[in-house]
């Protein structure tokens, strides 16, 4: 098990989180994002592929002028 680099006492476990991204007047909530989640402090960490997909989805929302958009990630 990997020790959480934030709290130094918890361990990272596979899980899912909701990520909130904000740019200007746009807010994008992305639900069901696969992440490593600390079982103590709830900090989460995304892998490179998940981050890339997440940012691409958010960019589309911002370009479409969304003020608030909720996106559900698809199971891998």
Protein backbone atom coordinates (compact mmCIF):
# COMPACT_ATOMS: atom_id res chain seq x y z
CA UNK A 1 0.00 0.00 0.00
CA UNK A 2 1.14 3.49 -0.81
CA UNK A 3 1.25 5.99 2.05
CA UNK A 4 -0.63 9.24 1.35
CA UNK A 5 1.86 12.01 0.50
CA UNK A 6 -0.50 14.62 1.97
CA UNK A 7 -1.39 13.35 5.47
CA UNK A 8 1.46 10.81 5.77
CA UNK A 9 -0.75 8.42 7.80
CA UNK A 10 -3.42 7.17 5.42
CA UNK A 11 -3.06 4.72 2.56
CA UNK A 12 -4.16 5.15 -1.05
CA UNK A 13 -6.92 2.85 -2.24
CA UNK A 14 -8.67 2.53 -5.59
CA UNK A 15 -11.91 4.47 -5.69
CA UNK A 16 -14.00 7.09 -7.44
CA UNK A 17 -14.34 10.83 -6.82
CA UNK A 18 -16.15 13.87 -8.16
CA UNK A 19 -13.75 16.46 -9.57
CA UNK A 20 -14.68 20.14 -9.75
CA UNK A 21 -12.92 22.28 -12.35
CA UNK A 22 -13.40 26.02 -12.71
CA UNK A 23 -12.28 28.43 -15.42
CA UNK A 24 -13.60 31.97 -15.62
CA UNK A 25 -17.36 31.72 -15.21
CA UNK A 26 -17.52 28.01 -16.10
CA UNK A 27 -17.75 25.24 -13.52
CA UNK A 28 -17.50 21.62 -14.62
CA UNK A 29 -18.27 18.75 -12.25
CA UNK A 30 -17.03 15.37 -13.39
CA UNK A 31 -18.52 12.46 -11.48
CA UNK A 32 -17.32 8.88 -11.09
CA UNK A 33 -13.65 9.65 -11.83
CA UNK A 34 -11.31 6.74 -11.11
CA UNK A 35 -8.68 7.77 -8.57
CA UNK A 36 -6.42 6.63 -5.78
CA UNK A 37 -8.10 7.93 -2.62
CA UNK A 38 -6.58 8.30 0.85
CA UNK A 39 -8.51 6.30 3.45
CA UNK A 40 -7.62 8.91 6.08
CA UNK A 41 -7.81 12.43 4.62
CA UNK A 42 -9.73 11.72 1.36
CA UNK A 43 -7.09 13.39 -0.83
CA UNK A 44 -7.17 11.88 -4.30
CA UNK A 45 -4.71 11.36 -7.11
CA UNK A 46 -5.42 10.81 -10.81
CA UNK A 47 -3.26 8.98 -13.29
CA UNK A 48 -2.04 10.72 -16.45
CA UNK A 49 -4.60 9.14 -18.78
CA UNK A 50 -7.55 9.98 -16.52
CA UNK A 51 -6.28 13.56 -16.13
CA UNK A 52 -5.95 13.99 -19.89
CA UNK A 53 -9.50 12.70 -20.53
CA UNK A 54 -10.91 14.82 -17.72
CA UNK A 55 -9.29 18.00 -19.02
CA UNK A 56 -10.43 17.29 -22.59
CA UNK A 57 -14.05 16.89 -21.44
CA UNK A 58 -13.85 20.10 -19.40
CA UNK A 59 -12.33 22.02 -22.31
CA UNK A 60 -15.27 21.07 -24.53
CA UNK A 61 -17.70 22.31 -21.86
CA UNK A 62 -15.88 25.63 -21.51
CA UNK A 63 -15.68 26.13 -25.29
CA UNK A 64 -19.43 25.46 -25.52
CA UNK A 65 -20.00 28.27 -23.02
CA UNK A 66 -21.30 26.14 -20.15
CA UNK A 67 -21.79 28.00 -16.88
CA UNK A 68 -22.31 24.75 -14.99
CA UNK A 69 -22.02 21.28 -16.46
CA UNK A 70 -22.12 17.89 -14.80
CA UNK A 71 -20.38 15.07 -16.67
CA UNK A 72 -20.48 11.38 -15.79
CA UNK A 73 -17.23 9.55 -16.59
CA UNK A 74 -17.72 6.24 -18.33
CA UNK A 75 -16.45 3.09 -16.66
CA UNK A 76 -13.20 1.93 -18.24
